[in-house]
C-alpha atoms as a PDB file:
ATOM      1  CA  MET A   1     -15.825  21.629 -47.607  1.00  0.00           C
ATOM      2  CA  ASN A   2     -13.851  22.722 -43.935  1.00  0.00           C
ATOM      3  CA  ALA A   3     -14.067  26.804 -43.725  1.00  0.00           C
ATOM      4  CA  ASP A   4     -10.186  26.320 -42.193  1.00  0.00           C
ATOM      5  CA  LEU A   5      -8.478  23.669 -45.010  1.00  0.00           C
ATOM      6  CA  LYS A   6     -10.612  25.488 -47.785  1.00  0.00           C
ATOM      7  CA  ALA A   7      -8.624  29.227 -46.504  1.00  0.00           C
ATOM      8  CA  ARG A   8      -5.305  27.103 -45.929  1.00  0.00           C
ATOM      9  CA  TRP A   9      -5.445  26.037 -49.665  1.00  0.00           C
ATOM     10  CA  ILE A  10      -6.500  29.310 -51.407  1.00  0.00           C
ATOM     11  CA  ALA A  11      -3.719  31.175 -49.538  1.00  0.00           C
ATOM     12  CA  ALA A  12      -1.513  28.800 -51.255  1.00  0.00           C
ATOM     13  CA  LEU A  13      -2.464  28.474 -54.713  1.00  0.00           C
ATOM     14  CA  ARG A  14      -2.505  32.680 -54.265  1.00  0.00           C
ATOM     15  CA  SER A  15       1.225  32.371 -52.999  1.00  0.00           C
ATOM     16  CA  GLY A  16       3.518  31.886 -55.142  1.00  0.00           C
ATOM     17  CA  GLU A  17       4.923  28.974 -53.285  1.00  0.00           C
ATOM     18  CA  PHE A  18       3.929  26.307 -55.474  1.00  0.00           C
ATOM     19  CA  LYS A  19       4.641  25.963 -58.991  1.00  0.00           C
ATOM     20  CA  GLN A  20       2.262  24.885 -61.021  1.00  0.00           C
ATOM     21  CA  ALA A  21       1.883  22.238 -63.177  1.00  0.00           C
ATOM     22  CA  PHE A  22      -0.264  20.008 -66.014  1.00  0.00           C
ATOM     23  CA  GLY A  23      -2.034  16.747 -66.015  1.00  0.00           C
ATOM     24  CA  GLU A  24      -0.526  14.907 -62.454  1.00  0.00           C
ATOM     25  CA  LEU A  25      -1.056  15.803 -59.029  1.00  0.00           C
ATOM     26  CA  GLN A  26       2.730  16.243 -58.569  1.00  0.00           C
ATOM     27  CA  LYS A  27       4.817  16.515 -61.616  1.00  0.00           C
ATOM     28  CA  ASN A  28       8.299  17.180 -60.588  1.00  0.00           C
ATOM     29  CA  ASP A  29       8.609  19.931 -58.869  1.00  0.00           C
ATOM     30  CA  GLY A  30       5.891  21.470 -59.653  1.00  0.00           C
ATOM     31  CA  TYR A  31       1.965  20.943 -58.462  1.00  0.00           C
ATOM     32  CA  CYS A  32      -1.772  20.958 -59.732  1.00  0.00           C
ATOM     33  CA  CYS A  33      -4.056  22.707 -57.701  1.00  0.00           C
ATOM     34  CA  LEU A  34      -5.331  19.096 -56.245  1.00  0.00           C
ATOM     35  CA  GLY A  35      -1.709  18.415 -56.162  1.00  0.00           C
ATOM     36  CA  VAL A  36      -1.720  21.848 -53.562  1.00  0.00           C
ATOM     37  CA  LEU A  37      -4.788  20.841 -51.297  1.00  0.00           C
ATOM     38  CA  CYS A  38      -3.469  17.271 -50.888  1.00  0.00           C
ATOM     39  CA  LYS A  39       0.209  19.136 -49.388  1.00  0.00           C
ATOM     40  CA  VAL A  40      -1.984  21.637 -47.054  1.00  0.00           C
ATOM     41  CA  ALA A  41      -3.757  18.857 -45.947  1.00  0.00           C
ATOM     42  CA  GLY A  42      -0.912  16.955 -45.081  1.00  0.00           C
ATOM     43  CA  ARG A  43      -1.129  14.188 -47.716  1.00  0.00           C
ATOM     44  CA  THR A  44       0.751  13.223 -49.919  1.00  0.00           C
ATOM     45  CA  PRO A  45      -0.009  14.099 -53.536  1.00  0.00           C
ATOM     46  CA  THR A  46      -0.037  10.353 -55.587  1.00  0.00           C
ATOM     47  CA  ASN A  47       0.128  10.023 -59.590  1.00  0.00           C
ATOM     48  CA  SER A  48      -0.693   6.202 -59.882  1.00  0.00           C
ATOM     49  CA  ALA A  49      -3.799   5.954 -61.605  1.00  0.00           C
ATOM     50  CA  ASP A  50      -4.416   2.906 -59.945  1.00  0.00           C
ATOM     51  CA  ASP A  51      -4.976   4.903 -55.903  1.00  0.00           C
ATOM     52  CA  THR A  52      -8.268   6.041 -56.139  1.00  0.00           C
ATOM     53  CA  THR A  53      -7.680   7.308 -52.315  1.00  0.00           C
ATOM     54  CA  LEU A  54      -6.899  10.817 -52.566  1.00  0.00           C
ATOM     55  CA  TYR A  55      -9.931  11.248 -55.430  1.00  0.00           C
ATOM     56  CA  ASP A  56     -12.238   9.701 -52.974  1.00  0.00           C
ATOM     57  CA  TRP A  57     -10.917  11.523 -50.025  1.00  0.00           C
ATOM     58  CA  MET A  58     -11.812  14.776 -52.213  1.00  0.00           C
ATOM     59  CA  ARG A  59     -14.854  13.784 -54.164  1.00  0.00           C
ATOM     60  CA  LEU A  60     -16.786  11.921 -50.834  1.00  0.00           C
ATOM     61  CA  GLU A  61     -15.068  13.338 -47.404  1.00  0.00           C
ATOM     62  CA  LEU A  62     -14.440  17.148 -49.318  1.00  0.00           C
ATOM     63  CA  GLY A  63     -17.328  17.445 -51.360  1.00  0.00           C
ATOM     64  CA  LEU A  64     -15.004  18.915 -54.344  1.00  0.00           C
ATOM     65  CA  PRO A  65     -16.100  18.697 -57.737  1.00  0.00           C
ATOM     66  CA  THR A  66     -12.571  17.264 -58.748  1.00  0.00           C
ATOM     67  CA  ALA A  67     -13.769  17.100 -62.390  1.00  0.00           C
ATOM     68  CA  GLY A  68     -14.104  20.702 -62.578  1.00  0.00           C
ATOM     69  CA  LEU A  69     -11.348  21.750 -60.732  1.00  0.00           C
ATOM     70  CA  TRP A  70      -8.659  19.577 -63.072  1.00  0.00           C
ATOM     71  CA  HIS A  71     -10.700  20.423 -66.435  1.00  0.00           C
ATOM     72  CA  ARG A  72      -9.634  24.337 -64.907  1.00  0.00           C
ATOM     73  CA  ASN A  73      -6.084  23.722 -63.955  1.00  0.00           C
ATOM     74  CA  ASP A  74      -5.350  20.740 -66.980  1.00  0.00           C
ATOM     75  CA  GLN A  75      -7.860  21.910 -69.795  1.00  0.00           C
ATOM     76  CA  GLN A  76      -8.035  25.934 -69.350  1.00  0.00           C
ATOM     77  CA  LYS A  77      -5.138  26.457 -68.273  1.00  0.00           C
ATOM     78  CA  LEU A  78      -6.419  28.533 -65.810  1.00  0.00           C
ATOM     79  CA  SER A  79      -3.330  30.418 -63.155  1.00  0.00           C
ATOM     80  CA  PHE A  80      -3.381  29.432 -59.568  1.00  0.00           C
ATOM     81  CA  PRO A  81      -5.038  32.517 -58.905  1.00  0.00           C
ATOM     82  CA  GLU A  82      -7.545  32.520 -61.007  1.00  0.00           C
ATOM     83  CA  ILE A  83      -8.056  28.619 -59.721  1.00  0.00           C
ATOM     84  CA  ALA A  84      -8.139  29.848 -56.564  1.00  0.00           C
ATOM     85  CA  ASP A  85     -10.639  32.860 -56.925  1.00  0.00           C
ATOM     86  CA  TRP A  86     -13.116  30.058 -58.357  1.00  0.00           C
ATOM     87  CA  ILE A  87     -12.800  28.070 -55.388  1.00  0.00           C
ATOM     88  CA  GLU A  88     -14.008  31.060 -53.167  1.00  0.00           C
ATOM     89  CA  VAL A  89     -17.258  32.086 -55.390  1.00  0.00           C
ATOM     90  CA  ASN A  90     -18.125  28.691 -55.895  1.00  0.00           C
ATOM     91  CA  LEU A  91     -16.839  26.115 -52.636  1.00  0.00           C
END
């Protein structure tokens, strides 16, 4: 993953600027951790199950374990700072 994008994503997750949401990239005024990544990267989070473009970008171009990040956000309900700590150490 690009070091600059990773740093900006971690900073955004820790900033308190984004309200956390679960189950969708963007839900009302909140975002999941991957939705925050989209915003930081200048991409529009989409919730369409038919749109695999963003997930392909995350997996193939950035090399992200999207399922693992989704699990931490939506299943374990880790806070954004906790997810940022995990990203910092593991990605």
